[in-house]
């Protein structure tokens, strides 16, 4: 049986929360996102959010740049 997610843990993170997870400032999160060093965010209207599960996988993969991360995800889905 699949483990149920903790309802108190958000599935989508703000830039502030991503900064907390990565131990960097919110400003640095936006810099990394703009330069393609973070996984692509999910857009909700004008807002950007990052998937917690994807960030944890990205960290486990060694923090690859966005284009390399996209290739790794595509390869793992095949």
N, C-alpha and C. Protein backbone atom coordinates (compact mmCIF):
# COMPACT_ATOMS: atom_id res chain seq x y z
N UNK A 1 0.84 -1.18 0.00
CA UNK A 1 0.00 0.00 0.00
C UNK A 1 0.88 1.23 0.00
N UNK A 2 0.56 2.24 -0.84
CA UNK A 2 1.36 3.46 -0.95
C UNK A 2 1.23 4.28 0.33
N UNK A 3 2.34 4.90 0.69
CA UNK A 3 2.35 5.74 1.88
C UNK A 3 1.60 7.04 1.57
N UNK A 4 0.75 7.45 2.48
CA UNK A 4 -0.02 8.68 2.31
C UNK A 4 0.87 9.89 2.61
N UNK A 5 0.77 10.96 1.78
CA UNK A 5 1.56 12.16 2.05
C UNK A 5 1.10 12.83 3.34
N UNK A 6 2.02 13.51 3.98
CA UNK A 6 1.71 14.26 5.19
C UNK A 6 0.91 15.50 4.79
N UNK A 7 -0.31 15.64 5.25
CA UNK A 7 -1.13 16.77 4.82
C UNK A 7 -0.62 18.12 5.29
N UNK A 8 0.30 18.14 6.27
CA UNK A 8 0.85 19.40 6.75
C UNK A 8 2.05 19.85 5.93
N UNK A 9 2.58 19.00 5.07
CA UNK A 9 3.71 19.36 4.22
C UNK A 9 3.18 19.77 2.86
N UNK A 10 3.48 21.02 2.44
CA UNK A 10 2.96 21.45 1.14
C UNK A 10 3.66 20.73 -0.01
N UNK A 11 2.90 20.40 -1.04
CA UNK A 11 3.46 19.73 -2.22
C UNK A 11 4.16 20.74 -3.12
N UNK A 12 3.69 21.99 -3.09
CA UNK A 12 4.29 23.05 -3.90
C UNK A 12 4.88 24.10 -2.97
N UNK A 13 6.09 24.52 -3.27
CA UNK A 13 6.81 25.45 -2.41
C UNK A 13 6.97 26.82 -3.06
N UNK A 14 6.90 27.84 -2.24
CA UNK A 14 7.19 29.20 -2.69
C UNK A 14 8.71 29.36 -2.81
N UNK A 15 9.13 30.47 -3.39
CA UNK A 15 10.57 30.75 -3.49
C UNK A 15 11.19 30.85 -2.10
N UNK A 16 10.45 31.40 -1.16
CA UNK A 16 10.95 31.51 0.21
C UNK A 16 11.18 30.12 0.81
N UNK A 17 10.23 29.21 0.58
CA UNK A 17 10.36 27.86 1.12
C UNK A 17 11.50 27.10 0.43
N UNK A 18 11.66 27.32 -0.88
CA UNK A 18 12.78 26.68 -1.60
C UNK A 18 14.10 27.18 -1.02
N UNK A 19 14.18 28.47 -0.75
CA UNK A 19 15.38 29.02 -0.13
C UNK A 19 15.66 28.37 1.21
N UNK A 20 14.61 28.13 1.97
CA UNK A 20 14.79 27.48 3.27
C UNK A 20 15.31 26.05 3.09
N UNK A 21 14.73 25.31 2.14
CA UNK A 21 15.17 23.93 1.88
C UNK A 21 16.64 23.90 1.46
N UNK A 22 17.04 24.86 0.61
CA UNK A 22 18.41 24.88 0.08
C UNK A 22 19.39 25.69 0.92
N UNK A 23 18.89 26.31 1.98
CA UNK A 23 19.71 27.17 2.86
C UNK A 23 20.33 28.32 2.08
N UNK A 24 19.51 28.98 1.26
CA UNK A 24 19.94 30.15 0.51
C UNK A 24 18.84 31.21 0.62
N UNK A 25 19.16 32.42 0.21
CA UNK A 25 18.18 33.50 0.28
C UNK A 25 17.14 33.36 -0.83
N UNK A 26 16.02 34.01 -0.63
CA UNK A 26 14.98 34.03 -1.65
C UNK A 26 15.52 34.68 -2.92
N UNK A 27 16.30 35.72 -2.76
CA UNK A 27 16.89 36.39 -3.93
C UNK A 27 17.77 35.42 -4.72
N UNK A 28 18.53 34.60 -4.03
CA UNK A 28 19.38 33.62 -4.71
C UNK A 28 18.54 32.55 -5.42
N UNK A 29 17.40 32.19 -4.85
CA UNK A 29 16.49 31.25 -5.52
C UNK A 29 16.09 31.82 -6.87
N UNK A 30 15.68 33.09 -6.90
CA UNK A 30 15.27 33.71 -8.16
C UNK A 30 16.43 33.82 -9.14
N UNK A 31 17.62 34.09 -8.65
CA UNK A 31 18.80 34.14 -9.54
C UNK A 31 19.05 32.77 -10.17
N UNK A 32 19.01 31.73 -9.34
CA UNK A 32 19.23 30.38 -9.85
C UNK A 32 18.15 29.96 -10.83
N UNK A 33 16.91 30.33 -10.54
CA UNK A 33 15.80 30.00 -11.44
C UNK A 33 15.98 30.71 -12.78
N UNK A 34 16.36 31.98 -12.74
CA UNK A 34 16.54 32.76 -13.97
C UNK A 34 17.70 32.25 -14.81
N UNK A 35 18.71 31.71 -14.16
CA UNK A 35 19.89 31.23 -14.90
C UNK A 35 19.77 29.75 -15.30
N UNK A 36 18.64 29.11 -14.98
CA UNK A 36 18.43 27.72 -15.38
C UNK A 36 19.14 26.71 -14.49
N UNK A 37 19.42 27.10 -13.26
CA UNK A 37 20.10 26.18 -12.35
C UNK A 37 19.16 25.42 -11.44
N UNK A 38 17.90 25.83 -11.37
CA UNK A 38 16.89 25.12 -10.58
C UNK A 38 15.94 24.41 -11.52
N UNK A 39 15.26 23.36 -11.05
CA UNK A 39 14.21 22.77 -11.87
C UNK A 39 13.16 23.83 -12.20
N UNK A 40 12.49 23.67 -13.30
CA UNK A 40 11.47 24.64 -13.72
C UNK A 40 10.32 24.66 -12.71
N UNK A 41 9.85 25.85 -12.37
CA UNK A 41 8.71 25.93 -11.47
C UNK A 41 7.41 25.64 -12.18
N UNK A 42 6.39 25.38 -11.40
CA UNK A 42 5.02 25.26 -11.89
C UNK A 42 4.45 26.67 -11.83
N UNK A 43 3.78 27.09 -12.89
CA UNK A 43 3.17 28.42 -12.92
C UNK A 43 1.69 28.31 -12.55
N UNK A 44 1.28 29.08 -11.59
CA UNK A 44 -0.13 29.18 -11.17
C UNK A 44 -0.52 30.64 -11.34
N UNK A 45 -1.05 30.95 -12.50
CA UNK A 45 -1.30 32.36 -12.82
C UNK A 45 0.05 33.06 -12.94
N UNK A 46 0.24 34.08 -12.16
CA UNK A 46 1.53 34.80 -12.14
C UNK A 46 2.51 34.22 -11.13
N UNK A 47 2.06 33.30 -10.34
CA UNK A 47 2.90 32.76 -9.27
C UNK A 47 3.71 31.57 -9.74
N UNK A 48 4.89 31.45 -9.16
CA UNK A 48 5.77 30.31 -9.42
C UNK A 48 5.87 29.48 -8.16
N UNK A 49 5.74 28.18 -8.33
CA UNK A 49 5.88 27.24 -7.21
C UNK A 49 6.74 26.08 -7.68
N UNK A 50 7.47 25.48 -6.76
CA UNK A 50 8.31 24.33 -7.08
C UNK A 50 7.76 23.11 -6.38
N UNK A 51 7.80 21.97 -7.08
CA UNK A 51 7.32 20.71 -6.51
C UNK A 51 8.35 20.21 -5.49
N UNK A 52 7.89 19.97 -4.27
CA UNK A 52 8.78 19.49 -3.22
C UNK A 52 9.42 18.17 -3.61
N UNK A 53 8.62 17.23 -4.13
CA UNK A 53 9.15 15.91 -4.49
C UNK A 53 10.23 16.04 -5.56
N UNK A 54 10.00 16.90 -6.55
CA UNK A 54 10.99 17.08 -7.61
C UNK A 54 12.26 17.73 -7.07
N UNK A 55 12.12 18.70 -6.17
CA UNK A 55 13.31 19.32 -5.59
C UNK A 55 14.15 18.30 -4.83
N UNK A 56 13.49 17.42 -4.09
CA UNK A 56 14.22 16.41 -3.32
C UNK A 56 14.95 15.45 -4.26
N UNK A 57 14.31 15.06 -5.36
CA UNK A 57 14.96 14.19 -6.35
C UNK A 57 16.14 14.92 -7.00
N UNK A 58 15.96 16.20 -7.31
CA UNK A 58 16.99 17.03 -7.93
C UNK A 58 18.21 17.14 -7.00
N UNK A 59 17.96 17.34 -5.72
CA UNK A 59 19.05 17.40 -4.74
C UNK A 59 19.78 16.05 -4.70
N UNK A 60 19.02 14.95 -4.69
CA UNK A 60 19.61 13.62 -4.69
C UNK A 60 20.44 13.32 -5.93
N UNK A 61 20.09 13.98 -7.04
CA UNK A 61 20.82 13.78 -8.30
C UNK A 61 22.06 14.65 -8.38
N UNK A 62 22.31 15.47 -7.37
CA UNK A 62 23.53 16.27 -7.35
C UNK A 62 23.35 17.69 -7.88
N UNK A 63 22.12 18.20 -7.91
CA UNK A 63 21.83 19.58 -8.31
C UNK A 63 22.24 19.91 -9.74
N UNK A 64 21.85 19.06 -10.70
CA UNK A 64 22.24 19.34 -12.09
C UNK A 64 21.51 20.57 -12.63
N UNK A 65 22.08 21.24 -13.63
CA UNK A 65 21.37 22.36 -14.28
C UNK A 65 20.04 21.88 -14.88
N UNK A 66 19.14 22.82 -15.10
CA UNK A 66 17.77 22.51 -15.55
C UNK A 66 17.73 21.65 -16.80
N UNK A 67 18.55 21.97 -17.82
CA UNK A 67 18.49 21.18 -19.06
C UNK A 67 18.95 19.74 -18.83
N UNK A 68 19.99 19.56 -18.02
CA UNK A 68 20.46 18.21 -17.70
C UNK A 68 19.42 17.49 -16.85
N UNK A 69 18.82 18.20 -15.92
CA UNK A 69 17.79 17.61 -15.06
C UNK A 69 16.60 17.13 -15.91
N UNK A 70 16.20 17.92 -16.90
CA UNK A 70 15.10 17.52 -17.78
C UNK A 70 15.44 16.24 -18.53
N UNK A 71 16.69 16.13 -18.98
CA UNK A 71 17.10 14.90 -19.67
C UNK A 71 17.09 13.70 -18.72
N UNK A 72 17.58 13.89 -17.51
CA UNK A 72 17.58 12.80 -16.53
C UNK A 72 16.16 12.34 -16.22
N UNK A 73 15.25 13.28 -16.05
CA UNK A 73 13.85 12.92 -15.78
C UNK A 73 13.23 12.18 -16.97
N UNK A 74 13.51 12.65 -18.18
CA UNK A 74 12.95 12.01 -19.37
C UNK A 74 13.48 10.59 -19.50
N UNK A 75 14.78 10.39 -19.24
CA UNK A 75 15.37 9.06 -19.32
C UNK A 75 14.77 8.12 -18.27
N UNK A 76 14.50 8.63 -17.08
CA UNK A 76 13.96 7.77 -16.03
C UNK A 76 12.50 7.42 -16.26
N UNK A 77 11.79 8.22 -17.06
CA UNK A 77 10.39 7.94 -17.35
C UNK A 77 10.22 6.93 -18.47
N UNK A 78 11.26 6.60 -19.18
CA UNK A 78 11.17 5.64 -20.28
C UNK A 78 11.17 4.24 -19.79
